[in-house]
Protein backbone atom coordinates (compact mmCIF):
# COMPACT_ATOMS: atom_id res chain seq x y z
CA MET A 1 93.05 107.42 83.91
CA TRP A 2 91.42 104.02 84.32
CA LEU A 3 88.84 104.32 81.57
CA SER A 4 89.37 103.39 77.97
CA ASN A 5 88.55 105.82 75.18
CA ASN A 6 85.26 104.09 74.51
CA GLY A 7 83.86 104.51 78.00
CA ASN A 8 85.49 101.31 79.21
CA LEU A 9 83.10 98.96 77.43
CA LEU A 10 84.67 95.99 75.75
CA THR A 11 83.66 95.59 72.12
CA ASP A 12 82.78 92.38 70.31
CA LYS A 13 86.32 92.50 68.85
CA ASP A 14 87.70 92.64 72.42
CA GLN A 15 85.61 89.61 73.43
CA GLU A 16 86.92 87.76 70.35
CA LEU A 17 90.48 88.65 71.39
CA ILE A 18 89.88 87.20 74.86
CA ALA A 19 88.45 84.06 73.21
CA GLN A 20 91.58 83.70 71.07
CA ALA A 21 93.84 83.99 74.14
CA ARG A 22 91.71 81.36 75.88
CA LYS A 23 91.95 79.07 72.87
CA ALA A 24 95.75 79.42 72.80
CA ILE A 25 96.11 78.22 76.39
CA ARG A 26 93.33 75.64 76.15
CA LEU A 27 95.21 73.97 73.27
CA ASN A 28 98.59 74.16 75.02
CA TYR A 29 97.99 74.05 78.79
CA ASP A 30 100.58 71.91 80.58
CA GLY A 31 99.07 70.65 83.82
CA ILE A 32 101.93 68.23 84.44
CA ASN A 33 105.05 70.42 84.33
CA TYR A 34 103.23 73.78 84.29
CA ASN A 35 105.45 75.02 81.46
CA HIS A 36 102.50 76.62 79.67
CA THR A 37 99.82 78.16 81.91
CA VAL A 38 99.16 81.58 80.35
CA GLY A 39 97.83 82.47 76.90
CA ALA A 40 97.85 85.88 75.26
CA ALA A 41 96.45 87.50 72.15
CA VAL A 42 97.39 90.80 70.56
CA ARG A 43 95.32 92.55 67.90
CA CYS A 44 97.17 94.80 65.50
CA LYS A 45 95.72 97.85 63.83
CA SER A 46 95.68 95.80 60.62
CA GLY A 47 93.05 93.60 62.28
CA ASN A 48 95.35 90.59 62.45
CA VAL A 49 95.52 88.72 65.75
CA TYR A 50 98.58 86.87 67.04
CA THR A 51 98.62 84.50 69.99
CA GLY A 52 101.24 83.04 72.28
CA VAL A 53 101.68 80.98 75.42
CA ASN A 54 104.26 81.43 78.12
CA VAL A 55 107.43 79.39 77.83
CA TYR A 56 108.61 78.51 81.31
CA SER A 57 112.29 77.96 82.06
CA LEU A 58 114.96 79.65 84.13
CA HIS A 59 114.61 82.77 81.97
CA GLY A 60 111.28 82.05 80.33
CA ALA A 61 109.15 84.26 78.14
CA CYS A 62 105.70 85.49 79.07
CA ALA A 63 102.74 84.79 76.79
CA GLU A 64 102.44 88.49 75.93
CA GLN A 65 106.08 88.55 74.80
CA VAL A 66 105.58 85.46 72.63
CA ALA A 67 102.44 86.94 71.01
CA ILE A 68 104.18 90.28 70.36
CA GLY A 69 107.17 88.44 68.90
CA ALA A 70 104.88 86.47 66.59
CA ALA A 71 103.31 89.74 65.38
CA ILE A 72 106.67 91.43 64.85
CA THR A 73 107.92 88.37 62.95
CA GLN A 74 105.06 89.00 60.50
CA ARG A 75 106.16 92.65 60.13
CA GLU A 76 103.39 94.07 62.32
CA ARG A 77 104.37 97.20 64.24
CA ASP A 78 101.08 98.92 65.09
CA PHE A 79 99.29 97.33 68.03
CA GLU A 80 95.73 97.99 69.15
CA THR A 81 94.79 95.70 72.08
CA ILE A 82 96.38 92.90 74.11
CA VAL A 83 95.08 90.47 76.73
CA ALA A 84 96.50 87.60 78.80
CA VAL A 85 94.58 84.78 80.47
CA ARG A 86 95.62 82.09 82.94
CA GLY A 87 94.31 78.63 83.72
CA LYS A 88 93.44 75.44 81.88
CA GLU A 89 90.48 77.14 80.19
CA GLY A 90 91.90 80.67 80.34
CA GLU A 91 89.28 81.53 82.91
CA GLU A 92 91.26 84.31 84.59
CA ILE A 93 92.18 87.55 82.82
CA ILE A 94 95.49 88.67 84.32
CA PRO A 95 97.50 91.91 84.24
CA PRO A 96 100.96 92.03 82.65
CA CYS A 97 103.92 91.39 84.94
CA GLY A 98 106.56 94.08 85.50
CA ASN A 99 108.76 92.92 82.62
CA CYS A 100 105.80 92.87 80.26
CA ARG A 101 104.71 96.33 81.39
CA GLN A 102 108.12 97.68 80.42
CA MET A 103 107.97 95.85 77.07
CA LEU A 104 104.48 97.22 76.37
CA TYR A 105 105.70 100.69 77.29
CA ASP A 106 108.65 100.34 74.90
CA TYR A 107 106.80 98.74 71.96
CA MET A 108 103.23 99.95 72.24
CA PRO A 109 102.56 102.64 74.85
CA GLU A 110 99.19 103.57 73.27
CA CYS A 111 97.98 99.97 73.00
CA GLU A 112 95.00 99.12 75.18
CA VAL A 113 95.43 96.31 77.71
CA ILE A 114 92.40 94.31 78.78
CA LEU A 115 92.50 93.44 82.47
CA MET A 116 90.34 93.11 85.53
CA VAL A 117 89.88 96.22 87.69
CA HIS A 118 87.58 95.87 90.69
CA GLU A 119 86.25 92.58 89.28
CA GLU A 120 85.30 94.23 85.98
CA GLU A 121 86.87 93.84 82.54
CA GLN A 122 88.44 97.15 81.55
CA LYS A 123 90.90 98.54 79.05
CA ILE A 124 93.83 100.69 80.10
CA ARG A 125 96.55 102.21 77.93
CA ALA A 126 99.82 100.34 78.32
CA LYS A 127 101.72 103.49 79.28
CA GLU A 128 99.36 103.99 82.24
CA LEU A 129 100.38 100.63 83.72
CA LEU A 130 103.95 101.84 84.31
CA PRO A 131 103.82 105.47 85.45
CA PHE A 132 107.54 105.67 86.29
CA ALA A 133 108.82 103.68 83.33
CA TYR A 134 112.47 103.42 82.44
CA LYS A 135 113.09 105.48 79.32
CA ALA A 136 116.13 104.83 77.15
CA GLU A 137 118.17 107.90 76.29
CA ASP A 138 117.62 109.37 72.83
């Protein structure tokens, strides 16, 4: 359950995706008001990468949601891998929150999510992060 299809090893493309998420937050980190503290990057099956940062407010949007929205705006619908990082330099890879887990389940259940498991970078299918997900009626 906790291993990716490729034996859990992150590829060079995965490391580049992490670097893009880190760049997104490094360029936008808000250490005064803490409105932007998380960066995310999503790679589509087309090879295109889209980034986003969280937008904090009463009902803010997570970085993953912003990155997915950017991809969808460009007519992307097939997602391969997503990652979120936190901190001024994006030094911490973080798991998706509950809302994001539901969104990933709804939009991209087969997408791989890069996160830390037992202090090791791993990839897990989005649908495995929410085993009792809400499912809309057909």
